[in-house]
Amino acid sequence: MAVRTVLPAFLLGALCVSCGASREQGAESAPVQRPQVTLRVLNYNYLQARIFAISSGYRERLGAVTSGAERTFTFPWPYADLQVEVSLISVPSTFTDAMPVLPGDTLQLEVQQSPGMPPIVRRVRE
């Protein structure tokens, strides 16, 4: 009779100890920091601009910038270079040239007033 009550109590205790040990190990490991890039977009066009970051076959939608507005995007970017796609409604997308980026870089993108003109991107010194 004593074996039947002791064994479940022992198993329950072992389970609690193992759960507590795994929780302590998870608390010690810090989250991995990915390199961040900041892109400030100035939209001089009369159309809304959708902005995408591109590199080596990878494409990430950053968001939209309304006509005549400015918006800043800060996003993780582990790649060595960055190309920006600007998509305006009813107009073919335009692209910047690919440029090297480093973690912490701040870039400024200017969407031109004329829909067919390529966007201008440059590094900002801060």
C-alpha atoms as a PDB file:
ATOM      1  CA  MET A   1       0.000   0.000   0.000  1.00  0.00           C
ATOM      2  CA  ALA A   2       2.801   2.426   0.900  1.00  0.00           C
ATOM      3  CA  VAL A   3       4.525   1.813  -2.451  1.00  0.00           C
ATOM      4  CA  ARG A   4       1.410   2.888  -4.354  1.00  0.00           C
ATOM      5  CA  THR A   5       1.257   6.288  -2.624  1.00  0.00           C
ATOM      6  CA  VAL A   6       4.991   6.942  -2.549  1.00  0.00           C
ATOM      7  CA  LEU A   7       5.647   6.251  -6.244  1.00  0.00           C
ATOM      8  CA  PRO A   8       3.169   8.847  -7.636  1.00  0.00           C
ATOM      9  CA  ALA A   9       4.434  11.434  -5.157  1.00  0.00           C
ATOM     10  CA  PHE A  10       8.024  10.711  -6.208  1.00  0.00           C
ATOM     11  CA  LEU A  11       7.174  11.043  -9.931  1.00  0.00           C
ATOM     12  CA  LEU A  12       5.299  14.298  -9.329  1.00  0.00           C
ATOM     13  CA  GLY A  13       8.272  15.716  -7.415  1.00  0.00           C
ATOM     14  CA  ALA A  14      10.712  14.707 -10.158  1.00  0.00           C
ATOM     15  CA  LEU A  15       8.515  16.373 -12.777  1.00  0.00           C
ATOM     16  CA  CYS A  16       8.381  19.636 -10.807  1.00  0.00           C
ATOM     17  CA  VAL A  17      12.166  19.697 -10.374  1.00  0.00           C
ATOM     18  CA  SER A  18      12.803  19.104 -14.086  1.00  0.00           C
ATOM     19  CA  CYS A  19      10.364  21.868 -15.100  1.00  0.00           C
ATOM     20  CA  GLY A  20      12.033  24.317 -12.729  1.00  0.00           C
ATOM     21  CA  ALA A  21      15.490  23.443 -14.033  1.00  0.00           C
ATOM     22  CA  SER A  22      14.501  24.012 -17.658  1.00  0.00           C
ATOM     23  CA  ARG A  23      12.926  27.370 -16.773  1.00  0.00           C
ATOM     24  CA  GLU A  24      16.140  28.497 -15.052  1.00  0.00           C
ATOM     25  CA  GLN A  25      18.251  27.591 -18.096  1.00  0.00           C
ATOM     26  CA  GLY A  26      15.948  29.615 -20.378  1.00  0.00           C
ATOM     27  CA  ALA A  27      16.249  32.670 -18.116  1.00  0.00           C
ATOM     28  CA  GLU A  28      20.051  32.703 -18.468  1.00  0.00           C
ATOM     29  CA  SER A  29      20.129  32.854 -22.268  1.00  0.00           C
ATOM     30  CA  ALA A  30      19.726  36.377 -23.649  1.00  0.00           C
ATOM     31  CA  PRO A  31      17.716  37.025 -26.816  1.00  0.00           C
ATOM     32  CA  VAL A  32      19.789  37.272 -29.985  1.00  0.00           C
ATOM     33  CA  GLN A  33      20.172  40.864 -31.194  1.00  0.00           C
ATOM     34  CA  ARG A  34      19.947  41.205 -34.985  1.00  0.00           C
ATOM     35  CA  PRO A  35      21.626  44.128 -36.758  1.00  0.00           C
ATOM     36  CA  GLN A  36      19.244  47.088 -37.230  1.00  0.00           C
ATOM     37  CA  VAL A  37      19.090  49.529 -40.139  1.00  0.00           C
ATOM     38  CA  THR A  38      17.037  52.741 -40.163  1.00  0.00           C
ATOM     39  CA  LEU A  39      15.427  54.023 -43.370  1.00  0.00           C
ATOM     40  CA  ARG A  40      13.866  57.490 -43.376  1.00  0.00           C
ATOM     41  CA  VAL A  41      11.506  57.902 -46.342  1.00  0.00           C
ATOM     42  CA  LEU A  42      10.450  61.289 -47.763  1.00  0.00           C
ATOM     43  CA  ASN A  43       7.581  60.917 -50.234  1.00  0.00           C
ATOM     44  CA  TYR A  44       7.438  63.926 -52.580  1.00  0.00           C
ATOM     45  CA  ASN A  45       5.082  62.091 -54.929  1.00  0.00           C
ATOM     46  CA  TYR A  46       1.318  62.635 -55.042  1.00  0.00           C
ATOM     47  CA  LEU A  47       0.750  58.859 -54.771  1.00  0.00           C
ATOM     48  CA  GLN A  48       1.136  56.597 -51.751  1.00  0.00           C
ATOM     49  CA  ALA A  49       4.435  54.692 -51.830  1.00  0.00           C
ATOM     50  CA  ARG A  50       4.845  51.103 -50.641  1.00  0.00           C
ATOM     51  CA  ILE A  51       8.427  50.431 -49.533  1.00  0.00           C
ATOM     52  CA  PHE A  52      10.257  47.078 -49.729  1.00  0.00           C
ATOM     53  CA  ALA A  53      13.800  46.129 -48.648  1.00  0.00           C
ATOM     54  CA  ILE A  54      15.560  43.664 -50.971  1.00  0.00           C
ATOM     55  CA  SER A  55      18.802  41.660 -50.843  1.00  0.00           C
ATOM     56  CA  SER A  56      19.979  38.392 -52.398  1.00  0.00           C
ATOM     57  CA  GLY A  57      16.518  37.133 -53.296  1.00  0.00           C
ATOM     58  CA  TYR A  58      15.001  38.260 -49.985  1.00  0.00           C
ATOM     59  CA  ARG A  59      12.192  40.852 -50.066  1.00  0.00           C
ATOM     60  CA  GLU A  60      10.592  42.396 -46.971  1.00  0.00           C
ATOM     61  CA  ARG A  61       7.677  44.835 -46.978  1.00  0.00           C
ATOM     62  CA  LEU A  62       8.490  47.728 -44.658  1.00  0.00           C
ATOM     63  CA  GLY A  63       5.260  49.692 -45.005  1.00  0.00           C
ATOM     64  CA  ALA A  64       3.579  52.572 -46.814  1.00  0.00           C
ATOM     65  CA  VAL A  65       4.245  56.304 -46.866  1.00  0.00           C
ATOM     66  CA  THR A  66       1.394  58.615 -47.798  1.00  0.00           C
ATOM     67  CA  SER A  67       1.735  61.458 -50.284  1.00  0.00           C
ATOM     68  CA  GLY A  68       3.868  64.355 -49.040  1.00  0.00           C
ATOM     69  CA  ALA A  69       4.711  62.567 -45.787  1.00  0.00           C
ATOM     70  CA  GLU A  70       7.825  61.331 -44.010  1.00  0.00           C
ATOM     71  CA  ARG A  71       8.114  57.987 -42.225  1.00  0.00           C
ATOM     72  CA  THR A  72      10.982  56.185 -40.533  1.00  0.00           C
ATOM     73  CA  PHE A  73      11.410  52.408 -40.561  1.00  0.00           C
ATOM     74  CA  THR A  74      13.854  50.604 -38.268  1.00  0.00           C
ATOM     75  CA  PHE A  75      14.188  46.931 -39.075  1.00  0.00           C
ATOM     76  CA  PRO A  76      16.570  43.995 -38.603  1.00  0.00           C
ATOM     77  CA  TRP A  77      18.826  43.586 -41.634  1.00  0.00           C
ATOM     78  CA  PRO A  78      21.475  40.843 -41.461  1.00  0.00           C
ATOM     79  CA  TYR A  79      22.566  41.216 -45.106  1.00  0.00           C
ATOM     80  CA  ALA A  80      25.614  43.096 -46.383  1.00  0.00           C
ATOM     81  CA  ASP A  81      23.743  45.113 -49.003  1.00  0.00           C
ATOM     82  CA  LEU A  82      20.344  46.760 -49.358  1.00  0.00           C
ATOM     83  CA  GLN A  83      18.240  47.658 -52.368  1.00  0.00           C
ATOM     84  CA  VAL A  84      14.929  49.495 -51.946  1.00  0.00           C
ATOM     85  CA  GLU A  85      11.843  48.982 -54.092  1.00  0.00           C
ATOM     86  CA  VAL A  86       9.270  51.763 -54.303  1.00  0.00           C
ATOM     87  CA  SER A  87       5.844  50.697 -55.530  1.00  0.00           C
ATOM     88  CA  LEU A  88       3.339  53.394 -56.448  1.00  0.00           C
ATOM     89  CA  ILE A  89      -0.279  52.597 -57.321  1.00  0.00           C
ATOM     90  CA  SER A  90      -0.785  52.096 -61.103  1.00  0.00           C
ATOM     91  CA  VAL A  91       2.896  52.814 -61.842  1.00  0.00           C
ATOM     92  CA  PRO A  92       5.658  50.205 -62.365  1.00  0.00           C
ATOM     93  CA  SER A  93       7.957  49.772 -59.357  1.00  0.00           C
ATOM     94  CA  THR A  94      11.263  51.629 -59.250  1.00  0.00           C
ATOM     95  CA  PHE A  95      14.414  50.421 -57.520  1.00  0.00           C
ATOM     96  CA  THR A  96      17.481  51.975 -55.976  1.00  0.00           C
ATOM     97  CA  ASP A  97      20.919  50.578 -56.696  1.00  0.00           C
ATOM     98  CA  ALA A  98      22.101  48.062 -54.118  1.00  0.00           C
ATOM     99  CA  MET A  99      24.367  49.657 -51.540  1.00  0.00           C
ATOM    100  CA  PRO A 100      26.438  48.212 -48.697  1.00  0.00           C
ATOM    101  CA  VAL A 101      24.998  48.689 -45.211  1.00  0.00           C
ATOM    102  CA  LEU A 102      26.401  48.175 -41.736  1.00  0.00           C
ATOM    103  CA  PRO A 103      24.511  47.579 -38.476  1.00  0.00           C
ATOM    104  CA  GLY A 104      23.277  50.905 -37.132  1.00  0.00           C
ATOM    105  CA  ASP A 105      23.314  52.684 -40.513  1.00  0.00           C
ATOM    106  CA  THR A 106      20.702  55.360 -41.185  1.00  0.00           C
ATOM    107  CA  LEU A 107      19.632  55.860 -44.795  1.00  0.00           C
ATOM    108  CA  GLN A 108      17.360  58.469 -46.334  1.00  0.00           C
ATOM    109  CA  LEU A 109      15.161  57.625 -49.321  1.00  0.00           C
ATOM    110  CA  GLU A 110      13.512  60.325 -51.415  1.00  0.00           C
ATOM    111  CA  VAL A 111      10.562  59.283 -53.575  1.00  0.00           C
ATOM    112  CA  GLN A 112      10.621  61.747 -56.472  1.00  0.00           C
ATOM    113  CA  GLN A 113       7.676  63.892 -57.526  1.00  0.00           C
ATOM    114  CA  SER A 114       7.554  62.444 -61.042  1.00  0.00           C
ATOM    115  CA  PRO A 115       6.348  58.791 -60.902  1.00  0.00           C
ATOM    116  CA  GLY A 116       8.856  57.532 -63.499  1.00  0.00           C
ATOM    117  CA  MET A 117      11.957  58.946 -61.779  1.00  0.00           C
ATOM    118  CA  PRO A 118      14.073  56.531 -59.729  1.00  0.00           C
ATOM    119  CA  PRO A 119      14.166  57.108 -55.970  1.00  0.00           C
ATOM    120  CA  ILE A 120      17.270  58.609 -54.394  1.00  0.00           C
ATOM    121  CA  VAL A 121      18.859  56.908 -51.394  1.00  0.00           C
ATOM    122  CA  ARG A 122      21.840  58.168 -49.407  1.00  0.00           C
ATOM    123  CA  ARG A 123      23.580  57.453 -46.145  1.00  0.00           C
ATOM    124  CA  VAL A 124      22.878  59.942 -43.348  1.00  0.00           C
ATOM    125  CA  ARG A 125      25.709  60.886 -40.972  1.00  0.00           C
ATOM    126  CA  GLU A 126      24.494  61.134 -37.397  1.00  0.00           C
END
